[in-house]
Amino acid sequence: MYSDIEMTMLESLKKEFGETYEALEEVIVMDKLRIAQELYNKTVDDYRGNQSAKNYNMLVVAMVCLQYWGQKKVKLFSLTEDF
């Protein structure tokens, strides 16, 4: 179902940041999502300019990252938490 490069990238993200259903701080998730969107936009432009195997693989990695961070659960701020 997934290629080797997709599985490697996804496993790397899960190892460092956990499953998508495991919540992280909102600041971290939003920052990583912004970076993933920038990476995706750059790799799309690169692939349009040169449809090489390298650019295709980079595009696949960018799509996996974008999907992961787009689905990542965020810890919600609660007014009842102790400060």
PDB file of N, CA and C in Angstrom:
ATOM      1  N   MET A   1       0.822  -1.190   0.000  1.00  0.00           N
ATOM      2  CA  MET A   1       0.000   0.000   0.000  1.00  0.00           C
ATOM      3  C   MET A   1       0.872   1.262   0.000  1.00  0.00           C
ATOM      4  N   TYR A   2       1.846   1.321   0.898  1.00  0.00           N
ATOM      5  CA  TYR A   2       2.755   2.468   0.943  1.00  0.00           C
ATOM      6  C   TYR A   2       4.099   2.070   0.342  1.00  0.00           C
ATOM      7  N   SER A   3       4.786   3.033  -0.236  1.00  0.00           N
ATOM      8  CA  SER A   3       6.135   2.765  -0.730  1.00  0.00           C
ATOM      9  C   SER A   3       7.106   2.792   0.450  1.00  0.00           C
ATOM     10  N   ASP A   4       8.328   2.355   0.200  1.00  0.00           N
ATOM     11  CA  ASP A   4       9.342   2.346   1.255  1.00  0.00           C
ATOM     12  C   ASP A   4       9.614   3.737   1.798  1.00  0.00           C
ATOM     13  N   ILE A   5       9.673   4.705   0.901  1.00  0.00           N
ATOM     14  CA  ILE A   5       9.964   6.074   1.333  1.00  0.00           C
ATOM     15  C   ILE A   5       8.826   6.637   2.189  1.00  0.00           C
ATOM     16  N   GLU A   6       7.584   6.318   1.839  1.00  0.00           N
ATOM     17  CA  GLU A   6       6.435   6.771   2.634  1.00  0.00           C
ATOM     18  C   GLU A   6       6.455   6.139   4.020  1.00  0.00           C
ATOM     19  N   MET A   7       6.715   4.838   4.072  1.00  0.00           N
ATOM     20  CA  MET A   7       6.749   4.133   5.358  1.00  0.00           C
ATOM     21  C   MET A   7       7.890   4.651   6.237  1.00  0.00           C
ATOM     22  N   THR A   8       9.033   4.889   5.646  1.00  0.00           N
ATOM     23  CA  THR A   8      10.177   5.399   6.407  1.00  0.00           C
ATOM     24  C   THR A   8       9.870   6.766   7.002  1.00  0.00           C
ATOM     25  N   MET A   9       9.284   7.639   6.201  1.00  0.00           N
ATOM     26  CA  MET A   9       8.951   8.981   6.679  1.00  0.00           C
ATOM     27  C   MET A   9       7.895   8.936   7.770  1.00  0.00           C
ATOM     28  N   LEU A  10       6.863   8.146   7.557  1.00  0.00           N
ATOM     29  CA  LEU A  10       5.783   8.049   8.531  1.00  0.00           C
ATOM     30  C   LEU A  10       6.274   7.446   9.849  1.00  0.00           C
ATOM     31  N   GLU A  11       7.083   6.402   9.771  1.00  0.00           N
ATOM     32  CA  GLU A  11       7.637   5.793  10.985  1.00  0.00           C
ATOM     33  C   GLU A  11       8.546   6.756  11.728  1.00  0.00           C
ATOM     34  N   SER A  12       9.303   7.561  10.985  1.00  0.00           N
ATOM     35  CA  SER A  12      10.172   8.557  11.602  1.00  0.00           C
ATOM     36  C   SER A  12       9.360   9.608  12.363  1.00  0.00           C
ATOM     37  N   LEU A  13       8.279  10.082  11.744  1.00  0.00           N
ATOM     38  CA  LEU A  13       7.406  11.057  12.410  1.00  0.00           C
ATOM     39  C   LEU A  13       6.750  10.454  13.651  1.00  0.00           C
ATOM     40  N   LYS A  14       6.260   9.225  13.530  1.00  0.00           N
ATOM     41  CA  LYS A  14       5.612   8.569  14.668  1.00  0.00           C
ATOM     42  C   LYS A  14       6.591   8.326  15.803  1.00  0.00           C
ATOM     43  N   LYS A  15       7.832   7.976  15.466  1.00  0.00           N
ATOM     44  CA  LYS A  15       8.842   7.715  16.489  1.00  0.00           C
ATOM     45  C   LYS A  15       9.164   8.986  17.277  1.00  0.00           C
ATOM     46  N   GLU A  16       9.265  10.105  16.570  1.00  0.00           N
ATOM     47  CA  GLU A  16       9.635  11.347  17.237  1.00  0.00           C
ATOM     48  C   GLU A  16       8.464  12.064  17.898  1.00  0.00           C
ATOM     49  N   PHE A  17       7.268  12.034  17.252  1.00  0.00           N
ATOM     50  CA  PHE A  17       6.148  12.833  17.740  1.00  0.00           C
ATOM     51  C   PHE A  17       4.925  12.014  18.151  1.00  0.00           C
ATOM     52  N   GLY A  18       4.949  10.705  17.981  1.00  0.00           N
ATOM     53  CA  GLY A  18       3.830   9.857  18.370  1.00  0.00           C
ATOM     54  C   GLY A  18       2.795   9.722  17.263  1.00  0.00           C
ATOM     55  N   GLU A  19       1.793   8.914  17.544  1.00  0.00           N
ATOM     56  CA  GLU A  19       0.690   8.703  16.602  1.00  0.00           C
ATOM     57  C   GLU A  19      -0.102   9.995  16.431  1.00  0.00           C
ATOM     58  N   THR A  20      -0.877  10.075  15.365  1.00  0.00           N
ATOM     59  CA  THR A  20      -1.649  11.292  15.112  1.00  0.00           C
ATOM     60  C   THR A  20      -2.698  11.540  16.191  1.00  0.00           C
ATOM     61  N   TYR A  21      -3.164  10.489  16.849  1.00  0.00           N
ATOM     62  CA  TYR A  21      -4.184  10.659  17.895  1.00  0.00           C
ATOM     63  C   TYR A  21      -3.581  11.040  19.249  1.00  0.00           C
ATOM     64  N   GLU A  22      -2.257  11.045  19.362  1.00  0.00           N
ATOM     65  CA  GLU A  22      -1.592  11.476  20.591  1.00  0.00           C
ATOM     66  C   GLU A  22      -1.360  12.988  20.505  1.00  0.00           C
ATOM     67  N   ALA A  23      -1.972  13.717  21.408  1.00  0.00           N
ATOM     68  CA  ALA A  23      -1.971  15.179  21.343  1.00  0.00           C
ATOM     69  C   ALA A  23      -0.615  15.788  21.694  1.00  0.00           C
ATOM     70  N   LEU A  24      -0.307  16.872  20.990  1.00  0.00           N
ATOM     71  CA  LEU A  24       0.865  17.706  21.270  1.00  0.00           C
ATOM     72  C   LEU A  24       0.390  19.135  21.504  1.00  0.00           C
ATOM     73  N   GLU A  25       1.302  19.951  22.008  1.00  0.00           N
ATOM     74  CA  GLU A  25       0.983  21.364  22.229  1.00  0.00           C
ATOM     75  C   GLU A  25       0.604  22.022  20.904  1.00  0.00           C
ATOM     76  N   GLU A  26      -0.360  22.926  20.956  1.00  0.00           N
ATOM     77  CA  GLU A  26      -0.858  23.584  19.750  1.00  0.00           C
ATOM     78  C   GLU A  26       0.243  24.342  19.014  1.00  0.00           C
ATOM     79  N   VAL A  27       1.121  24.996  19.745  1.00  0.00           N
ATOM     80  CA  VAL A  27       2.192  25.782  19.132  1.00  0.00           C
ATOM     81  C   VAL A  27       3.086  24.886  18.274  1.00  0.00           C
ATOM     82  N   ILE A  28       3.413  23.711  18.783  1.00  0.00           N
ATOM     83  CA  ILE A  28       4.274  22.777  18.052  1.00  0.00           C
ATOM     84  C   ILE A  28       3.580  22.301  16.790  1.00  0.00           C
ATOM     85  N   VAL A  29       2.332  21.876  16.925  1.00  0.00           N
ATOM     86  CA  VAL A  29       1.591  21.335  15.781  1.00  0.00           C
ATOM     87  C   VAL A  29       1.391  22.393  14.708  1.00  0.00           C
ATOM     88  N   MET A  30       1.012  23.595  15.100  1.00  0.00           N
ATOM     89  CA  MET A  30       0.780  24.659  14.123  1.00  0.00           C
ATOM     90  C   MET A  30       2.071  25.050  13.411  1.00  0.00           C
ATOM     91  N   ASP A  31       3.181  25.086  14.142  1.00  0.00           N
ATOM     92  CA  ASP A  31       4.459  25.419  13.527  1.00  0.00           C
ATOM     93  C   ASP A  31       4.885  24.335  12.535  1.00  0.00           C
ATOM     94  N   LYS A  32       4.754  23.077  12.934  1.00  0.00           N
ATOM     95  CA  LYS A  32       5.115  21.965  12.049  1.00  0.00           C
ATOM     96  C   LYS A  32       4.187  21.909  10.837  1.00  0.00           C
ATOM     97  N   LEU A  33       2.926  22.221  11.010  1.00  0.00           N
ATOM     98  CA  LEU A  33       1.986  22.237   9.893  1.00  0.00           C
ATOM     99  C   LEU A  33       2.347  23.344   8.906  1.00  0.00           C
ATOM    100  N   ARG A  34       2.712  24.500   9.409  1.00  0.00           N
ATOM    101  CA  ARG A  34       3.134  25.613   8.543  1.00  0.00           C
ATOM    102  C   ARG A  34       4.379  25.230   7.740  1.00  0.00           C
ATOM    103  N   ILE A  35       5.330  24.611   8.398  1.00  0.00           N
ATOM    104  CA  ILE A  35       6.550  24.175   7.724  1.00  0.00           C
ATOM    105  C   ILE A  35       6.240  23.102   6.678  1.00  0.00           C
ATOM    106  N   ALA A  36       5.343  22.171   7.008  1.00  0.00           N
ATOM    107  CA  ALA A  36       4.955  21.119   6.066  1.00  0.00           C
ATOM    108  C   ALA A  36       4.269  21.706   4.842  1.00  0.00           C
ATOM    109  N   GLN A  37       3.457  22.740   5.033  1.00  0.00           N
ATOM    110  CA  GLN A  37       2.801  23.400   3.908  1.00  0.00           C
ATOM    111  C   GLN A  37       3.825  24.096   3.010  1.00  0.00           C
ATOM    112  N   GLU A  38       4.814  24.740   3.626  1.00  0.00           N
ATOM    113  CA  GLU A  38       5.870  25.397   2.852  1.00  0.00           C
ATOM    114  C   GLU A  38       6.682  24.368   2.069  1.00  0.00           C
ATOM    115  N   LEU A  39       7.013  23.253   2.717  1.00  0.00           N
ATOM    116  CA  LEU A  39       7.746  22.180   2.053  1.00  0.00           C
ATOM    117  C   LEU A  39       6.946  21.622   0.884  1.00  0.00           C
ATOM    118  N   TYR A  40       5.665  21.414   1.096  1.00  0.00           N
ATOM    119  CA  TYR A  40       4.810  20.892   0.031  1.00  0.00           C
ATOM    120  C   TYR A  40       4.774  21.850  -1.162  1.00  0.00           C
ATOM    121  N   ASN A  41       4.568  23.125  -0.900  1.00  0.00           N
ATOM    122  CA  ASN A  41       4.521  24.111  -1.988  1.00  0.00           C
ATOM    123  C   ASN A  41       5.836  24.156  -2.767  1.00  0.00           C
ATOM    124  N   LYS A  42       6.963  24.086  -2.061  1.00  0.00           N
ATOM    125  CA  LYS A  42       8.264  24.101  -2.726  1.00  0.00           C
ATOM    126  C   LYS A  42       8.448  22.844  -3.573  1.00  0.00           C
ATOM    127  N   THR A  43       8.097  21.680  -3.025  1.00  0.00           N
ATOM    128  CA  THR A  43       8.315  20.441  -3.773  1.00  0.00           C
ATOM    129  C   THR A  43       7.387  20.339  -4.984  1.00  0.00           C
ATOM    130  N   VAL A  44       6.179  20.901  -4.889  1.00  0.00           N
ATOM    131  CA  VAL A  44       5.286  20.930  -6.052  1.00  0.00           C
ATOM    132  C   VAL A  44       5.920  21.767  -7.158  1.00  0.00           C
ATOM    133  N   ASP A  45       6.447  22.939  -6.800  1.00  0.00           N
ATOM    134  CA  ASP A  45       7.105  23.797  -7.791  1.00  0.00           C
ATOM    135  C   ASP A  45       8.321  23.100  -8.411  1.00  0.00           C
ATOM    136  N   ASP A  46       9.118  22.443  -7.554  1.00  0.00           N
ATOM    137  CA  ASP A  46      10.294  21.729  -8.052  1.00  0.00           C
ATOM    138  C   ASP A  46       9.894  20.604  -9.002  1.00  0.00           C
ATOM    139  N   TYR A  47       8.848  19.870  -8.651  1.00  0.00           N
ATOM    140  CA  TYR A  47       8.413  18.749  -9.483  1.00  0.00           C
ATOM    141  C   TYR A  47       7.838  19.235 -10.812  1.00  0.00           C
ATOM    142  N   ARG A  48       7.123  20.348 -10.777  1.00  0.00           N
ATOM    143  CA  ARG A  48       6.596  20.915 -12.026  1.00  0.00           C
ATOM    144  C   ARG A  48       7.737  21.333 -12.952  1.00  0.00           C
ATOM    145  N   GLY A  49       8.814  21.855 -12.377  1.00  0.00           N
ATOM    146  CA  GLY A  49       9.955  22.295 -13.170  1.00  0.00           C
ATOM    147  C   GLY A  49      10.792  21.154 -13.709  1.00  0.00           C
ATOM    148  N   ASN A  50      10.892  20.074 -12.945  1.00  0.00           N
ATOM    149  CA  ASN A  50      11.725  18.935 -13.348  1.00  0.00           C
ATOM    150  C   ASN A  50      11.119  17.665 -12.757  1.00  0.00           C
ATOM    151  N   GLN A  51      10.492  16.877 -13.575  1.00  0.00           N
ATOM    152  CA  GLN A  51       9.791  15.682 -13.105  1.00  0.00           C
ATOM    153  C   GLN A  51      10.739  14.494 -12.980  1.00  0.00           C
ATOM    154  N   SER A  52      11.765  14.677 -12.169  1.00  0.00           N
ATOM    155  CA  SER A  52      12.743  13.620 -11.926  1.00  0.00           C
ATOM    156  C   SER A  52      12.279  12.713 -10.780  1.00  0.00           C
ATOM    157  N   ALA A  53      12.938  11.581 -10.653  1.00  0.00           N
ATOM    158  CA  ALA A  53      12.614  10.644  -9.573  1.00  0.00           C
ATOM    159  C   ALA A  53      12.886  11.277  -8.205  1.00  0.00           C
ATOM    160  N   LYS A  54      13.961  12.044  -8.104  1.00  0.00           N
ATOM    161  CA  LYS A  54      14.291  12.711  -6.838  1.00  0.00           C
ATOM    162  C   LYS A  54      13.183  13.686  -6.442  1.00  0.00           C
ATOM    163  N   ASN A  55      12.753  14.515  -7.382  1.00  0.00           N
ATOM    164  CA  ASN A  55      11.698  15.485  -7.079  1.00  0.00           C
ATOM    165  C   ASN A  55      10.376  14.793  -6.763  1.00  0.00           C
ATOM    166  N   TYR A  56      10.103  13.670  -7.418  1.00  0.00           N
ATOM    167  CA  TYR A  56       8.887  12.905  -7.110  1.00  0.00           C
ATOM    168  C   TYR A  56       8.943  12.372  -5.688  1.00  0.00           C
ATOM    169  N   ASN A  57      10.083  11.799  -5.314  1.00  0.00           N
ATOM    170  CA  ASN A  57      10.222  11.264  -3.955  1.00  0.00           C
ATOM    171  C   ASN A  57      10.115  12.362  -2.902  1.00  0.00           C
ATOM    172  N   MET A  58      10.675  13.523  -3.186  1.00  0.00           N
ATOM    173  CA  MET A  58      10.559  14.649  -2.260  1.00  0.00           C
ATOM    174  C   MET A  58       9.112  15.105  -2.138  1.00  0.00           C
ATOM    175  N   LEU A  59       8.382  15.074  -3.241  1.00  0.00           N
ATOM    176  CA  LEU A  59       6.964  15.436  -3.222  1.00  0.00           C
ATOM    177  C   LEU A  59       6.171  14.446  -2.364  1.00  0.00           C
ATOM    178  N   VAL A  60       6.481  13.162  -2.479  1.00  0.00           N
ATOM    179  CA  VAL A  60       5.814  12.140  -1.666  1.00  0.00           C
ATOM    180  C   VAL A  60       6.097  12.368  -0.183  1.00  0.00           C
ATOM    181  N   VAL A  61       7.343  12.662   0.154  1.00  0.00           N
ATOM    182  CA  VAL A  61       7.705  12.943   1.548  1.00  0.00           C
ATOM    183  C   VAL A  61       6.945  14.161   2.063  1.00  0.00           C
ATOM    184  N   ALA A  62       6.860  15.197   1.255  1.00  0.00           N
ATOM    185  CA  ALA A  62       6.140  16.409   1.656  1.00  0.00           C
ATOM    186  C   ALA A  62       4.660  16.131   1.870  1.00  0.00           C
ATOM    187  N   MET A  63       4.072  15.292   1.020  1.00  0.00           N
ATOM    188  CA  MET A  63       2.646  14.962   1.183  1.00  0.00           C
ATOM    189  C   MET A  63       2.409  14.154   2.449  1.00  0.00           C
ATOM    190  N   VAL A  64       3.318  13.229   2.759  1.00  0.00           N
ATOM    191  CA  VAL A  64       3.190  12.438   3.987  1.00  0.00           C
ATOM    192  C   VAL A  64       3.280  13.357   5.208  1.00  0.00           C
ATOM    193  N   CYS A  65       4.248  14.266   5.200  1.00  0.00           N
ATOM    194  CA  CYS A  65       4.399  15.221   6.318  1.00  0.00           C
ATOM    195  C   CYS A  65       3.167  16.104   6.472  1.00  0.00           C
ATOM    196  N   LEU A  66       2.679  16.613   5.358  1.00  0.00           N
ATOM    197  CA  LEU A  66       1.502  17.482   5.397  1.00  0.00           C
ATOM    198  C   LEU A  66       0.284  16.730   5.930  1.00  0.00           C
ATOM    199  N   GLN A  67       0.108  15.505   5.505  1.00  0.00           N
ATOM    200  CA  GLN A  67      -1.015  14.712   5.994  1.00  0.00           C
ATOM    201  C   GLN A  67      -0.879  14.420   7.484  1.00  0.00           C
ATOM    202  N   TYR A  68       0.322  14.051   7.911  1.00  0.00           N
ATOM    203  CA  TYR A  68       0.557  13.744   9.321  1.00  0.00           C
ATOM    204  C   TYR A  68       0.237  14.949  10.209  1.00  0.00           C
ATOM    205  N   TRP A  69       0.814  16.105   9.869  1.00  0.00           N
ATOM    206  CA  TRP A  69       0.610  17.286  10.711  1.00  0.00           C
ATOM    207  C   TRP A  69      -0.805  17.849  10.587  1.00  0.00           C
ATOM    208  N   GLY A  70      -1.446  17.641   9.462  1.00  0.00           N
ATOM    209  CA  GLY A  70      -2.841  18.063   9.315  1.00  0.00           C
ATOM    210  C   GLY A  70      -3.797  17.237  10.166  1.00  0.00           C
ATOM    211  N   GLN A  71      -3.414  15.993  10.457  1.00  0.00           N
ATOM    212  CA  GLN A  71      -4.260  15.102  11.254  1.00  0.00           C
ATOM    213  C   GLN A  71      -3.845  15.041  12.718  1.00  0.00           C
ATOM    214  N   LYS A  72      -2.715  15.636  13.075  1.00  0.00           N
ATOM    215  CA  LYS A  72      -2.179  15.544  14.430  1.00  0.00           C
ATOM    216  C   LYS A  72      -3.113  16.215  15.425  1.00  0.00           C
ATOM    217  N   LYS A  73      -3.407  15.501  16.499  1.00  0.00           N
ATOM    218  CA  LYS A  73      -4.292  16.008  17.555  1.00  0.00           C
ATOM    219  C   LYS A  73      -3.556  17.069  18.376  1.00  0.00           C
ATOM    220  N   VAL A  74      -4.297  18.076  18.805  1.00  0.00           N
ATOM    221  CA  VAL A  74      -3.744  19.209  19.539  1.00  0.00           C
ATOM    222  C   VAL A  74      -4.283  19.202  20.964  1.00  0.00           C
ATOM    223  N   LYS A  75      -3.375  19.474  21.926  1.00  0.00           N
ATOM    224  CA  LYS A  75      -3.831  19.643  23.315  1.00  0.00           C
ATOM    225  C   LYS A  75      -4.570  20.953  23.413  1.00  0.00           C
ATOM    226  N   LEU A  76      -5.753  20.899  23.966  1.00  0.00           N
ATOM    227  CA  LEU A  76      -6.568  22.105  24.097  1.00  0.00           C
ATOM    228  C   LEU A  76      -6.276  22.792  25.422  1.00  0.00           C
ATOM    229  N   PHE A  77      -6.261  24.096  25.385  1.00  0.00           N
ATOM    230  CA  PHE A  77      -6.071  24.889  26.587  1.00  0.00           C
ATOM    231  C   PHE A  77      -7.335  24.844  27.432  1.00  0.00           C
ATOM    232  N   SER A  78      -7.170  24.674  28.716  1.00  0.00           N
ATOM    233  CA  SER A  78      -8.304  24.613  29.622  1.00  0.00           C
ATOM    234  C   SER A  78      -8.193  25.702  30.681  1.00  0.00           C
ATOM    235  N   LEU A  79      -9.283  26.405  30.918  1.00  0.00           N
ATOM    236  CA  LEU A  79      -9.278  27.449  31.942  1.00  0.00           C
ATOM    237  C   LEU A  79      -9.260  26.860  33.345  1.00  0.00           C
ATOM    238  N   THR A  80      -9.527  25.573  33.483  1.00  0.00           N
ATOM    239  CA  THR A  80      -9.561  24.943  34.796  1.00  0.00           C
ATOM    240  C   THR A  80      -8.199  24.384  35.203  1.00  0.00           C
ATOM    241  N   GLU A  81      -7.199  24.476  34.333  1.00  0.00           N
ATOM    242  CA  GLU A  81      -5.864  23.964  34.685  1.00  0.00           C
ATOM    243  C   GLU A  81      -5.217  24.872  35.715  1.00  0.00           C
ATOM    244  N   ASP A  82      -4.421  24.255  36.582  1.00  0.00           N
ATOM    245  CA  ASP A  82      -3.677  25.014  37.578  1.00  0.00           C
ATOM    246  C   ASP A  82      -2.456  25.656  36.927  1.00  0.00           C
ATOM    247  N   PHE A  83      -2.164  26.898  37.335  1.00  0.00           N
ATOM    248  CA  PHE A  83      -1.016  27.595  36.780  1.00  0.00           C
ATOM    249  C   PHE A  83       0.058  27.725  37.809  1.00  0.00           C
TER     250      PHE A  83
END
